[in-house]
N, C-alpha and C. Protein backbone atom coordinates (compact mmCIF):
# COMPACT_ATOMS: atom_id res chain seq x y z
N UNK A 1 5.95 4.33 -38.13
CA UNK A 1 5.64 4.27 -36.60
C UNK A 1 6.57 5.61 -35.72
N UNK A 2 5.79 5.85 -34.90
CA UNK A 2 6.40 7.09 -34.06
C UNK A 2 6.57 6.75 -32.75
N UNK A 3 7.58 7.34 -31.99
CA UNK A 3 7.56 7.31 -30.54
C UNK A 3 6.57 8.28 -29.85
N UNK A 4 5.96 7.76 -28.77
CA UNK A 4 4.96 8.48 -28.05
C UNK A 4 5.02 8.38 -26.73
N UNK A 5 5.27 9.22 -26.01
CA UNK A 5 5.46 9.24 -24.22
C UNK A 5 4.18 9.00 -23.74
N UNK A 6 4.16 8.47 -22.58
CA UNK A 6 3.14 7.93 -21.70
C UNK A 6 3.20 8.63 -20.35
N UNK A 7 1.84 8.92 -19.77
CA UNK A 7 1.96 9.08 -18.44
C UNK A 7 2.66 10.14 -18.29
N UNK A 8 3.63 10.55 -17.34
CA UNK A 8 4.17 11.70 -16.90
C UNK A 8 5.71 11.84 -17.58
N UNK A 9 5.55 10.85 -18.85
CA UNK A 9 7.11 10.46 -19.33
C UNK A 9 7.60 11.63 -20.47
N UNK A 10 8.79 12.10 -20.86
CA UNK A 10 9.36 12.67 -21.93
C UNK A 10 10.09 11.92 -22.65
N UNK A 11 10.11 12.24 -24.26
CA UNK A 11 11.28 11.55 -24.81
C UNK A 11 12.00 12.93 -25.62
N UNK A 12 13.26 12.69 -25.35
CA UNK A 12 14.04 13.61 -25.64
C UNK A 12 15.29 13.39 -26.33
N UNK A 13 15.46 14.10 -27.57
CA UNK A 13 16.41 13.79 -28.69
C UNK A 13 17.56 14.64 -28.42
N UNK A 14 18.75 14.06 -28.13
CA UNK A 14 19.90 14.46 -27.66
C UNK A 14 20.50 15.73 -28.72
N UNK A 15 21.16 16.93 -28.32
CA UNK A 15 21.77 17.79 -29.26
C UNK A 15 22.95 17.47 -28.98
N UNK A 16 23.89 17.28 -29.86
CA UNK A 16 25.50 17.25 -29.94
C UNK A 16 25.93 18.08 -29.37
N UNK A 17 26.85 17.98 -28.35
CA UNK A 17 27.69 19.13 -27.91
C UNK A 17 28.71 19.32 -28.82
N UNK A 18 29.32 20.51 -29.13
CA UNK A 18 30.18 20.91 -29.81
C UNK A 18 31.70 20.80 -29.21
N UNK A 19 32.75 20.39 -29.87
CA UNK A 19 34.05 20.11 -29.41
C UNK A 19 34.79 21.68 -29.33
N UNK A 20 35.59 21.79 -28.25
CA UNK A 20 36.31 22.60 -28.15
C UNK A 20 37.52 22.83 -29.05
N UNK A 21 37.90 23.70 -30.11
CA UNK A 21 38.98 23.89 -30.77
C UNK A 21 40.02 25.05 -30.35
N UNK A 22 41.12 25.03 -30.51
CA UNK A 22 42.30 25.95 -30.28
C UNK A 22 43.20 25.61 -31.46
N UNK A 23 42.87 26.77 -32.33
CA UNK A 23 43.66 26.63 -33.40
C UNK A 23 43.46 25.55 -34.07
N UNK A 24 44.30 24.63 -34.79
CA UNK A 24 44.17 23.39 -35.22
C UNK A 24 43.90 22.24 -34.62
N UNK A 25 43.91 22.35 -33.24
CA UNK A 25 43.76 21.14 -32.35
C UNK A 25 42.62 21.33 -31.66
N UNK A 26 41.98 19.83 -31.78
CA UNK A 26 40.74 19.56 -31.26
C UNK A 26 40.98 19.18 -29.58
N UNK A 27 40.35 19.65 -28.77
CA UNK A 27 40.52 19.47 -27.65
C UNK A 27 39.25 18.47 -27.08
N UNK A 28 39.80 17.31 -26.99
CA UNK A 28 38.47 15.99 -26.64
C UNK A 28 37.91 16.20 -25.19
N UNK A 29 36.80 15.95 -25.13
CA UNK A 29 36.06 15.99 -23.75
C UNK A 29 36.07 14.68 -23.14
N UNK A 30 37.00 14.25 -22.37
CA UNK A 30 37.40 13.24 -22.26
C UNK A 30 37.07 12.94 -20.48
N UNK A 31 36.35 12.00 -20.07
CA UNK A 31 36.02 12.15 -18.56
C UNK A 31 35.35 12.91 -17.89
N UNK A 32 34.87 13.73 -18.58
CA UNK A 32 34.21 14.90 -17.83
C UNK A 32 32.62 14.33 -18.01
N UNK A 33 31.89 14.02 -16.90
CA UNK A 33 30.75 13.27 -17.42
C UNK A 33 29.53 15.10 -17.11
N UNK A 34 29.35 15.39 -18.24
CA UNK A 34 28.32 16.49 -18.02
C UNK A 34 26.78 16.16 -18.53
N UNK A 35 25.75 17.18 -17.78
CA UNK A 35 24.53 16.77 -18.20
C UNK A 35 24.33 16.89 -19.55
N UNK A 36 23.04 16.06 -20.16
CA UNK A 36 23.00 16.21 -21.69
C UNK A 36 21.90 16.97 -21.77
N UNK A 37 21.96 17.63 -22.98
CA UNK A 37 20.99 18.85 -23.52
C UNK A 37 20.30 18.01 -24.75
N UNK A 38 19.10 18.28 -24.79
CA UNK A 38 18.42 17.79 -25.98
C UNK A 38 16.77 18.47 -25.95
N UNK A 39 16.09 18.02 -27.29
CA UNK A 39 15.13 18.75 -27.62
C UNK A 39 13.96 17.52 -27.45
N UNK A 40 12.81 17.95 -26.55
CA UNK A 40 11.82 17.28 -26.15
C UNK A 40 11.00 16.84 -27.68
N UNK A 41 10.74 15.74 -27.93
CA UNK A 41 9.94 15.27 -28.82
C UNK A 41 8.64 14.67 -28.70
N UNK A 42 8.47 14.20 -27.61
CA UNK A 42 7.21 13.84 -27.35
C UNK A 42 6.81 13.95 -25.50
N UNK A 43 5.48 14.21 -24.92
CA UNK A 43 5.51 14.43 -24.00
C UNK A 43 4.11 13.62 -23.67
N UNK A 44 4.27 12.86 -22.57
CA UNK A 44 2.91 11.97 -22.13
C UNK A 44 1.88 13.04 -21.42
N UNK A 45 0.51 12.89 -21.41
CA UNK A 45 -0.36 13.78 -21.04
C UNK A 45 -0.34 13.94 -19.20
N UNK A 46 0.14 13.35 -18.52
CA UNK A 46 0.19 13.44 -16.95
C UNK A 46 0.16 12.17 -16.40
N UNK A 47 -0.15 12.44 -14.89
CA UNK A 47 -0.59 11.19 -14.04
C UNK A 47 -1.32 11.48 -13.02
N UNK A 48 -1.85 10.72 -12.80
CA UNK A 48 -2.92 10.62 -11.37
C UNK A 48 -1.84 10.61 -10.01
N UNK A 49 -2.44 11.43 -9.03
CA UNK A 49 -1.57 11.37 -7.69
C UNK A 49 -2.15 10.14 -7.02
N UNK A 50 -1.69 10.13 -5.88
CA UNK A 50 -2.04 8.69 -4.93
C UNK A 50 -3.82 9.46 -4.44
N UNK A 51 -3.83 10.51 -4.28
CA UNK A 51 -5.41 10.98 -3.99
C UNK A 51 -6.49 10.99 -5.26
N UNK A 52 -5.95 10.87 -6.54
CA UNK A 52 -6.69 10.84 -7.55
C UNK A 52 -6.69 12.16 -8.39
N UNK A 53 -5.91 12.86 -7.77
CA UNK A 53 -5.99 14.29 -8.61
C UNK A 53 -4.83 14.09 -10.06
N UNK A 54 -5.06 14.90 -10.72
CA UNK A 54 -4.62 14.53 -12.52
C UNK A 54 -3.71 15.60 -12.37
N UNK A 55 -2.51 15.22 -12.74
CA UNK A 55 -1.37 16.40 -12.64
C UNK A 55 -0.90 16.43 -14.32
N UNK A 56 -1.25 17.37 -15.03
CA UNK A 56 -0.63 17.73 -16.31
C UNK A 56 0.89 17.77 -16.64
N UNK A 57 1.17 17.65 -17.66
CA UNK A 57 2.68 17.65 -17.88
C UNK A 57 3.00 19.07 -18.12
N UNK A 58 4.08 19.61 -17.99
CA UNK A 58 4.44 21.18 -18.10
C UNK A 58 5.21 21.42 -19.52
N UNK A 59 6.06 20.24 -20.01
CA UNK A 59 7.10 20.37 -20.88
C UNK A 59 6.22 20.17 -22.25
N UNK A 60 6.89 21.20 -23.13
CA UNK A 60 6.34 20.87 -24.29
C UNK A 60 6.93 20.47 -25.50
N UNK A 61 6.65 19.74 -26.46
CA UNK A 61 7.12 19.28 -27.72
C UNK A 61 7.90 20.66 -28.26
N UNK A 62 9.42 20.55 -28.64
CA UNK A 62 10.35 21.32 -29.15
C UNK A 62 10.96 22.15 -28.25
N UNK A 63 10.87 22.15 -26.66
CA UNK A 63 11.56 22.49 -25.62
C UNK A 63 13.08 22.04 -25.86
N UNK A 64 13.75 22.90 -25.26
CA UNK A 64 15.17 22.43 -25.18
C UNK A 64 15.41 22.24 -23.67
N UNK A 65 15.93 21.28 -23.15
CA UNK A 65 16.06 20.73 -21.91
C UNK A 65 17.34 20.35 -21.50
N UNK A 66 17.72 20.48 -20.22
CA UNK A 66 18.71 20.03 -19.76
C UNK A 66 18.44 18.73 -18.74
N UNK A 67 19.22 17.47 -19.06
CA UNK A 67 18.73 16.27 -18.27
C UNK A 67 19.98 15.95 -17.52
N UNK A 68 19.79 15.29 -16.24
CA UNK A 68 20.79 14.81 -15.43
C UNK A 68 21.58 13.83 -15.89
N UNK A 69 22.84 13.63 -15.60
CA UNK A 69 23.72 12.65 -15.87
C UNK A 69 23.14 11.08 -15.81
N UNK A 70 22.39 10.76 -14.84
CA UNK A 70 21.76 9.53 -14.52
C UNK A 70 20.56 10.13 -14.23
N UNK A 71 19.51 8.84 -14.58
CA UNK A 71 17.98 8.88 -14.38
C UNK A 71 17.18 8.73 -15.88
N UNK A 72 17.49 9.14 -16.81
CA UNK A 72 17.09 8.87 -17.93
C UNK A 72 17.59 7.55 -18.80
N UNK A 73 16.68 7.02 -19.55
CA UNK A 73 16.96 5.49 -20.07
C UNK A 73 17.48 5.71 -21.72
N UNK A 74 18.46 5.52 -22.11
CA UNK A 74 18.90 5.59 -23.47
C UNK A 74 18.11 4.77 -24.39
N UNK A 75 17.37 5.24 -25.10
CA UNK A 75 16.32 4.40 -25.94
C UNK A 75 16.92 4.49 -27.63
N UNK A 76 17.62 3.62 -28.10
CA UNK A 76 17.81 3.51 -29.55
C UNK A 76 16.45 2.88 -30.42
N UNK A 77 16.21 3.96 -31.27
CA UNK A 77 15.10 3.76 -32.11
C UNK A 77 15.08 3.99 -33.64
N UNK A 78 15.12 3.35 -34.34
CA UNK A 78 15.17 3.80 -36.03
C UNK A 78 16.38 4.34 -36.42
N UNK A 79 17.50 3.91 -35.51
CA UNK A 79 18.62 4.51 -36.24
C UNK A 79 19.11 5.83 -35.24
N UNK A 80 18.49 6.13 -34.45
CA UNK A 80 18.54 7.37 -33.55
C UNK A 80 18.37 7.10 -32.28
N UNK A 81 19.28 7.77 -31.25
CA UNK A 81 19.32 7.63 -30.06
C UNK A 81 18.39 8.60 -29.32
N UNK A 82 17.63 8.17 -28.36
CA UNK A 82 16.83 9.29 -27.54
C UNK A 82 17.03 8.95 -26.17
N UNK A 83 16.50 9.53 -25.20
CA UNK A 83 16.57 9.62 -23.89
C UNK A 83 14.96 9.79 -23.29
N UNK A 84 14.64 8.65 -22.53
CA UNK A 84 13.28 8.63 -21.97
C UNK A 84 13.38 8.67 -20.30
N UNK A 85 12.50 9.59 -19.87
CA UNK A 85 12.33 9.36 -18.25
C UNK A 85 11.45 10.14 -17.88
N UNK A 86 11.07 10.53 -16.63
CA UNK A 86 9.86 11.33 -15.81
C UNK A 86 10.13 12.69 -16.00
N UNK A 87 9.06 13.55 -16.35
CA UNK A 87 9.48 14.91 -16.44
C UNK A 87 9.85 15.32 -15.43
N UNK A 88 9.42 15.23 -14.07
CA UNK A 88 9.87 15.93 -12.66
C UNK A 88 11.45 15.65 -12.77
N UNK A 89 12.27 14.87 -13.35
CA UNK A 89 13.39 14.71 -13.29
C UNK A 89 14.49 15.62 -14.31
N UNK A 90 13.55 16.54 -15.15
CA UNK A 90 14.35 17.67 -15.97
C UNK A 90 14.81 18.39 -15.25
N UNK A 91 16.05 18.72 -15.37
CA UNK A 91 16.91 20.09 -14.51
C UNK A 91 16.63 21.33 -14.67
N UNK A 92 16.50 21.78 -16.20
CA UNK A 92 16.08 23.22 -16.60
C UNK A 92 15.61 22.73 -18.13
N UNK A 93 14.88 24.12 -18.19
CA UNK A 93 14.53 24.36 -19.65
C UNK A 93 15.26 25.72 -20.30
N UNK A 94 15.54 25.55 -21.25
CA UNK A 94 16.76 26.62 -21.86
C UNK A 94 15.58 27.25 -22.90
N UNK A 95 15.58 28.82 -22.49
CA UNK A 95 14.62 29.55 -23.50
C UNK A 95 15.42 30.32 -24.17
N UNK A 96 14.85 30.33 -25.54
CA UNK A 96 15.78 30.98 -26.69
C UNK A 96 15.53 32.69 -26.50
């Protein structure tokens, strides 16, 4: 079984943020709500507008994106955590 996005949805696998370390002391990132970074694993084909025009999605599988702190839904699946939401809520794409 495999997750597949529908309509204009994207499914993103979170990329773990690195902890800050000063010498032998690990500085925890507590209380700071940050945007989530992740890799797109599935993209829906697009969605029709109210006028009937079909708008294709522009994200691609493998894109590294920045998600908002709210708006995407956490989806546990097969022992992994994913985020699912509409493509137009992605804040940025990180180009390598």
